[in-house]
Amino acid sequence: MDSGNSLLRRIDDNFLLESLDSLLGRLKDRLRVVDPDALGRRVGVVTNVRQDKKFGFVRSWGNDYFFHLSDLMDENEWAYLDSGVAVAFYPDEGGMKGPRAAALRWLG
C-alpha cells in the first residue's frame, strides 16, 4: 500500500511538473507574439542614485548596471528613483565602460 501511494505521488508530481513546463512554454510563445522584446527585459533594484549627477546603478542577476537620466524611457520617472526601488530595463553588456541599463522603467 505504501509503495502504491508513493508511486501515485510521484506520478502526480511528474504530471504537475510537466503541465507547468508546458504552460510556461505556451506563455513564452504568446509573449513573443504580443511583445517580442519582452523576454530580453530584466527586473532589478536601484542600489545607488546620484541625483546631482543624474546617474545611478541597478543590481540584477548578480550584476550592476549603470544608468543615466537619458536611459529612462520617461524622464519624469527620475524623481521616483531611489535606493531599493524596482525597475525594468534592457541590459546592454557591450558598453565600453561596463554593463548599462537601457530603456529603464520605474515599476512603481
N, C-alpha and C. Protein backbone atom coordinates (compact mmCIF):
# COMPACT_ATOMS: atom_id res chain seq x y z
N MET A 1 0.82 -1.18 0.00
CA MET A 1 0.00 0.00 0.00
C MET A 1 0.87 1.26 0.00
N ASP A 2 1.91 1.26 0.84
CA ASP A 2 2.80 2.43 0.90
C ASP A 2 3.52 2.64 -0.43
N SER A 3 3.93 1.55 -1.08
CA SER A 3 4.60 1.65 -2.38
C SER A 3 3.66 2.25 -3.41
N GLY A 4 2.41 1.82 -3.37
CA GLY A 4 1.42 2.33 -4.32
C GLY A 4 1.18 3.82 -4.12
N ASN A 5 1.05 4.25 -2.89
CA ASN A 5 0.84 5.68 -2.59
C ASN A 5 2.06 6.51 -2.99
N SER A 6 3.24 5.98 -2.72
CA SER A 6 4.48 6.68 -3.11
C SER A 6 4.56 6.83 -4.62
N LEU A 7 4.24 5.75 -5.34
CA LEU A 7 4.24 5.79 -6.80
C LEU A 7 3.20 6.78 -7.32
N LEU A 8 2.04 6.78 -6.72
CA LEU A 8 0.97 7.70 -7.12
C LEU A 8 1.41 9.16 -6.92
N ARG A 9 2.06 9.46 -5.81
CA ARG A 9 2.56 10.83 -5.56
C ARG A 9 3.58 11.23 -6.60
N ARG A 10 4.48 10.32 -6.97
CA ARG A 10 5.49 10.63 -7.99
C ARG A 10 4.83 10.89 -9.33
N ILE A 11 3.84 10.10 -9.67
CA ILE A 11 3.13 10.31 -10.92
C ILE A 11 2.44 11.65 -10.91
N ASP A 12 1.79 12.00 -9.78
CA ASP A 12 1.13 13.29 -9.66
C ASP A 12 2.13 14.44 -9.75
N ASP A 13 3.28 14.31 -9.07
CA ASP A 13 4.31 15.35 -9.12
C ASP A 13 4.84 15.53 -10.54
N ASN A 14 5.11 14.41 -11.22
CA ASN A 14 5.60 14.49 -12.60
C ASN A 14 4.56 15.13 -13.51
N PHE A 15 3.30 14.74 -13.30
CA PHE A 15 2.24 15.32 -14.11
C PHE A 15 2.17 16.83 -13.90
N LEU A 16 2.25 17.26 -12.65
CA LEU A 16 2.20 18.70 -12.35
C LEU A 16 3.40 19.43 -12.95
N LEU A 17 4.58 18.86 -12.82
CA LEU A 17 5.78 19.47 -13.37
C LEU A 17 5.70 19.59 -14.89
N GLU A 18 5.25 18.53 -15.54
CA GLU A 18 5.12 18.56 -17.00
C GLU A 18 4.06 19.56 -17.43
N SER A 19 2.96 19.64 -16.68
CA SER A 19 1.90 20.59 -17.01
C SER A 19 2.39 22.03 -16.85
N LEU A 20 3.11 22.30 -15.77
CA LEU A 20 3.64 23.65 -15.55
C LEU A 20 4.67 24.01 -16.61
N ASP A 21 5.51 23.07 -16.97
CA ASP A 21 6.51 23.30 -18.01
C ASP A 21 5.83 23.62 -19.35
N SER A 22 4.78 22.88 -19.65
CA SER A 22 4.04 23.12 -20.88
C SER A 22 3.37 24.49 -20.86
N LEU A 23 2.77 24.84 -19.74
CA LEU A 23 2.13 26.15 -19.60
C LEU A 23 3.15 27.27 -19.75
N LEU A 24 4.30 27.12 -19.13
CA LEU A 24 5.34 28.14 -19.24
C LEU A 24 5.79 28.30 -20.69
N GLY A 25 5.95 27.22 -21.40
CA GLY A 25 6.32 27.30 -22.82
C GLY A 25 5.27 28.02 -23.64
N ARG A 26 4.00 27.72 -23.39
CA ARG A 26 2.92 28.39 -24.13
C ARG A 26 2.87 29.87 -23.80
N LEU A 27 3.07 30.23 -22.53
CA LEU A 27 3.08 31.65 -22.13
C LEU A 27 4.22 32.40 -22.80
N LYS A 28 5.39 31.80 -22.85
CA LYS A 28 6.53 32.45 -23.52
C LYS A 28 6.25 32.64 -25.00
N ASP A 29 5.67 31.63 -25.64
CA ASP A 29 5.33 31.75 -27.06
C ASP A 29 4.33 32.88 -27.27
N ARG A 30 3.34 32.97 -26.42
CA ARG A 30 2.33 34.03 -26.54
C ARG A 30 2.97 35.40 -26.31
N LEU A 31 3.86 35.49 -25.34
CA LEU A 31 4.54 36.75 -25.06
C LEU A 31 5.39 37.19 -26.24
N ARG A 32 6.02 36.25 -26.92
CA ARG A 32 6.81 36.59 -28.12
C ARG A 32 5.92 37.17 -29.21
N VAL A 33 4.69 36.71 -29.31
CA VAL A 33 3.76 37.22 -30.31
C VAL A 33 3.30 38.63 -29.93
N VAL A 34 2.97 38.83 -28.66
CA VAL A 34 2.46 40.12 -28.20
C VAL A 34 3.56 41.17 -28.14
N ASP A 35 4.69 40.83 -27.55
CA ASP A 35 5.80 41.77 -27.38
C ASP A 35 7.12 41.01 -27.50
N PRO A 36 7.66 40.91 -28.71
CA PRO A 36 8.86 40.09 -28.93
C PRO A 36 10.07 40.51 -28.10
N ASP A 37 10.14 41.77 -27.70
CA ASP A 37 11.29 42.24 -26.93
C ASP A 37 11.17 42.00 -25.43
N ALA A 38 9.99 41.61 -24.97
CA ALA A 38 9.75 41.48 -23.53
C ALA A 38 10.66 40.45 -22.87
N LEU A 39 11.02 39.40 -23.58
CA LEU A 39 11.85 38.36 -22.97
C LEU A 39 13.28 38.82 -22.73
N GLY A 40 13.68 39.92 -23.34
CA GLY A 40 15.02 40.45 -23.11
C GLY A 40 15.10 41.41 -21.94
N ARG A 41 13.96 41.78 -21.39
CA ARG A 41 13.93 42.71 -20.26
C ARG A 41 14.36 42.01 -18.98
N ARG A 42 14.88 42.82 -18.08
CA ARG A 42 15.22 42.33 -16.75
C ARG A 42 14.58 43.24 -15.72
N VAL A 43 14.39 42.70 -14.55
CA VAL A 43 13.92 43.47 -13.41
C VAL A 43 15.07 43.55 -12.44
N GLY A 44 15.26 44.72 -11.87
CA GLY A 44 16.34 44.90 -10.91
C GLY A 44 15.95 45.90 -9.85
N VAL A 45 16.88 46.15 -8.95
CA VAL A 45 16.67 47.08 -7.84
C VAL A 45 17.74 48.16 -7.92
N VAL A 46 17.30 49.40 -7.80
CA VAL A 46 18.24 50.52 -7.79
C VAL A 46 19.06 50.42 -6.51
N THR A 47 20.38 50.49 -6.65
CA THR A 47 21.25 50.38 -5.48
C THR A 47 21.84 51.71 -5.07
N ASN A 48 21.97 52.62 -6.02
CA ASN A 48 22.59 53.90 -5.73
C ASN A 48 22.15 54.91 -6.78
N VAL A 49 21.80 56.11 -6.34
CA VAL A 49 21.44 57.18 -7.27
C VAL A 49 22.16 58.45 -6.86
N ARG A 50 22.79 59.07 -7.83
CA ARG A 50 23.42 60.38 -7.61
C ARG A 50 22.51 61.41 -8.27
N GLN A 51 21.59 61.97 -7.50
CA GLN A 51 20.63 62.93 -8.03
C GLN A 51 21.33 64.13 -8.66
N ASP A 52 22.42 64.59 -8.02
CA ASP A 52 23.13 65.77 -8.53
C ASP A 52 23.84 65.51 -9.86
N LYS A 53 24.26 64.27 -10.09
CA LYS A 53 24.98 63.92 -11.32
C LYS A 53 24.09 63.24 -12.36
N LYS A 54 22.83 62.94 -11.96
CA LYS A 54 21.85 62.33 -12.87
C LYS A 54 22.24 60.93 -13.35
N PHE A 55 22.81 60.12 -12.46
CA PHE A 55 23.09 58.72 -12.80
C PHE A 55 22.91 57.84 -11.58
N GLY A 56 22.92 56.54 -11.82
CA GLY A 56 22.78 55.59 -10.73
C GLY A 56 23.15 54.20 -11.19
N PHE A 57 22.86 53.23 -10.32
CA PHE A 57 23.18 51.84 -10.61
C PHE A 57 22.00 50.95 -10.23
N VAL A 58 21.84 49.88 -11.02
CA VAL A 58 20.81 48.88 -10.80
C VAL A 58 21.49 47.54 -10.61
N ARG A 59 20.99 46.74 -9.68
CA ARG A 59 21.51 45.39 -9.45
C ARG A 59 20.47 44.39 -9.94
N SER A 60 20.92 43.47 -10.81
CA SER A 60 20.03 42.43 -11.33
C SER A 60 20.84 41.20 -11.69
N TRP A 61 20.36 40.05 -11.30
CA TRP A 61 21.01 38.77 -11.60
C TRP A 61 22.48 38.76 -11.21
N GLY A 62 22.81 39.41 -10.11
CA GLY A 62 24.18 39.42 -9.62
C GLY A 62 25.11 40.40 -10.30
N ASN A 63 24.58 41.24 -11.19
CA ASN A 63 25.39 42.23 -11.89
C ASN A 63 24.90 43.64 -11.59
N ASP A 64 25.82 44.59 -11.66
CA ASP A 64 25.48 46.00 -11.52
C ASP A 64 25.46 46.65 -12.89
N TYR A 65 24.44 47.47 -13.14
CA TYR A 65 24.27 48.16 -14.42
C TYR A 65 24.20 49.66 -14.16
N PHE A 66 24.99 50.41 -14.91
CA PHE A 66 24.98 51.86 -14.85
C PHE A 66 23.76 52.38 -15.61
N PHE A 67 23.17 53.48 -15.14
CA PHE A 67 22.16 54.17 -15.93
C PHE A 67 22.30 55.67 -15.73
N HIS A 68 21.89 56.41 -16.73
CA HIS A 68 21.89 57.86 -16.73
C HIS A 68 20.45 58.33 -16.94
N LEU A 69 20.18 59.53 -16.60
CA LEU A 69 18.85 60.11 -16.81
C LEU A 69 18.37 59.87 -18.24
N SER A 70 19.28 59.96 -19.19
CA SER A 70 18.92 59.78 -20.60
C SER A 70 18.53 58.33 -20.93
N ASP A 71 18.82 57.37 -20.04
CA ASP A 71 18.46 55.98 -20.26
C ASP A 71 17.02 55.67 -19.86
N LEU A 72 16.34 56.60 -19.20
CA LEU A 72 14.96 56.39 -18.80
C LEU A 72 14.03 56.53 -20.00
N MET A 73 13.02 55.67 -20.05
CA MET A 73 12.03 55.78 -21.12
C MET A 73 11.17 57.02 -20.91
N ASP A 74 10.97 57.40 -19.66
CA ASP A 74 10.20 58.60 -19.32
C ASP A 74 11.00 59.36 -18.27
N GLU A 75 11.60 60.47 -18.67
CA GLU A 75 12.46 61.23 -17.75
C GLU A 75 11.71 61.76 -16.53
N ASN A 76 10.38 61.81 -16.59
CA ASN A 76 9.59 62.24 -15.43
C ASN A 76 9.68 61.23 -14.28
N GLU A 77 10.09 60.01 -14.58
CA GLU A 77 10.23 58.98 -13.55
C GLU A 77 11.49 59.14 -12.71
N TRP A 78 12.38 60.02 -13.13
CA TRP A 78 13.65 60.24 -12.41
C TRP A 78 13.38 60.56 -10.94
N ALA A 79 12.36 61.34 -10.65
CA ALA A 79 12.06 61.74 -9.28
C ALA A 79 11.72 60.56 -8.38
N TYR A 80 11.29 59.44 -8.95
CA TYR A 80 10.89 58.27 -8.17
C TYR A 80 12.04 57.29 -7.93
N LEU A 81 13.15 57.50 -8.59
CA LEU A 81 14.26 56.54 -8.46
C LEU A 81 15.08 56.84 -7.22
N ASP A 82 15.19 55.82 -6.39
CA ASP A 82 15.96 55.91 -5.15
C ASP A 82 16.39 54.49 -4.79
N SER A 83 17.31 54.35 -3.88
CA SER A 83 17.78 53.01 -3.48
C SER A 83 16.61 52.14 -3.04
N GLY A 84 16.59 50.91 -3.54
CA GLY A 84 15.57 49.95 -3.16
C GLY A 84 14.37 49.91 -4.09
N VAL A 85 14.31 50.81 -5.07
CA VAL A 85 13.17 50.88 -5.99
C VAL A 85 13.34 49.84 -7.11
N ALA A 86 12.26 49.17 -7.47
CA ALA A 86 12.29 48.17 -8.54
C ALA A 86 12.14 48.86 -9.90
N VAL A 87 12.93 48.39 -10.86
CA VAL A 87 12.91 48.92 -12.23
C VAL A 87 13.00 47.77 -13.23
N ALA A 88 12.56 48.05 -14.45
CA ALA A 88 12.72 47.11 -15.56
C ALA A 88 13.62 47.79 -16.59
N PHE A 89 14.42 47.00 -17.30
CA PHE A 89 15.35 47.57 -18.27
C PHE A 89 15.83 46.49 -19.22
N TYR A 90 16.50 46.94 -20.27
CA TYR A 90 17.17 46.04 -21.20
C TYR A 90 18.67 46.11 -20.89
N PRO A 91 19.30 44.99 -20.58
CA PRO A 91 20.74 45.01 -20.30
C PRO A 91 21.55 45.23 -21.57
N ASP A 92 22.50 46.13 -21.48
CA ASP A 92 23.44 46.38 -22.58
C ASP A 92 24.82 46.04 -22.06
N GLU A 93 25.28 44.85 -22.41
CA GLU A 93 26.57 44.34 -21.92
C GLU A 93 27.75 44.86 -22.72
N GLY A 94 27.49 45.48 -23.87
CA GLY A 94 28.56 45.86 -24.77
C GLY A 94 29.15 47.24 -24.56
N GLY A 95 28.81 47.89 -23.47
CA GLY A 95 29.33 49.23 -23.23
C GLY A 95 30.82 49.23 -22.98
N MET A 96 31.49 50.30 -23.41
CA MET A 96 32.95 50.39 -23.22
C MET A 96 33.32 50.51 -21.75
N LYS A 97 32.43 51.12 -20.95
CA LYS A 97 32.72 51.31 -19.54
C LYS A 97 32.06 50.28 -18.64
N GLY A 98 31.42 49.27 -19.24
CA GLY A 98 30.78 48.23 -18.45
C GLY A 98 29.31 48.11 -18.78
N PRO A 99 28.60 47.20 -18.10
CA PRO A 99 27.19 46.97 -18.37
C PRO A 99 26.34 48.21 -18.10
N ARG A 100 25.34 48.41 -18.94
CA ARG A 100 24.48 49.58 -18.83
C ARG A 100 23.02 49.14 -18.91
N ALA A 101 22.16 49.84 -18.18
CA ALA A 101 20.72 49.59 -18.21
C ALA A 101 20.09 50.54 -19.22
N ALA A 102 19.52 49.99 -20.29
CA ALA A 102 18.90 50.80 -21.33
C ALA A 102 17.38 50.72 -21.20
N ALA A 103 16.70 51.74 -21.66
CA ALA A 103 15.22 51.80 -21.65
C ALA A 103 14.67 51.47 -20.27
N LEU A 104 15.17 52.15 -19.26
CA LEU A 104 14.81 51.92 -17.88
C LEU A 104 13.41 52.42 -17.58
N ARG A 105 12.64 51.62 -16.84
CA ARG A 105 11.28 51.99 -16.42
C ARG A 105 11.14 51.78 -14.93
N TRP A 106 10.55 52.75 -14.26
CA TRP A 106 10.21 52.64 -12.85
C TRP A 106 9.00 51.73 -12.73
N LEU A 107 9.04 50.76 -11.83
CA LEU A 107 7.93 49.81 -11.70
C LEU A 107 6.91 50.20 -10.63
N GLY A 108 7.14 51.31 -9.99
CA GLY A 108 6.14 51.84 -9.05
C GLY A 108 6.04 51.04 -7.84
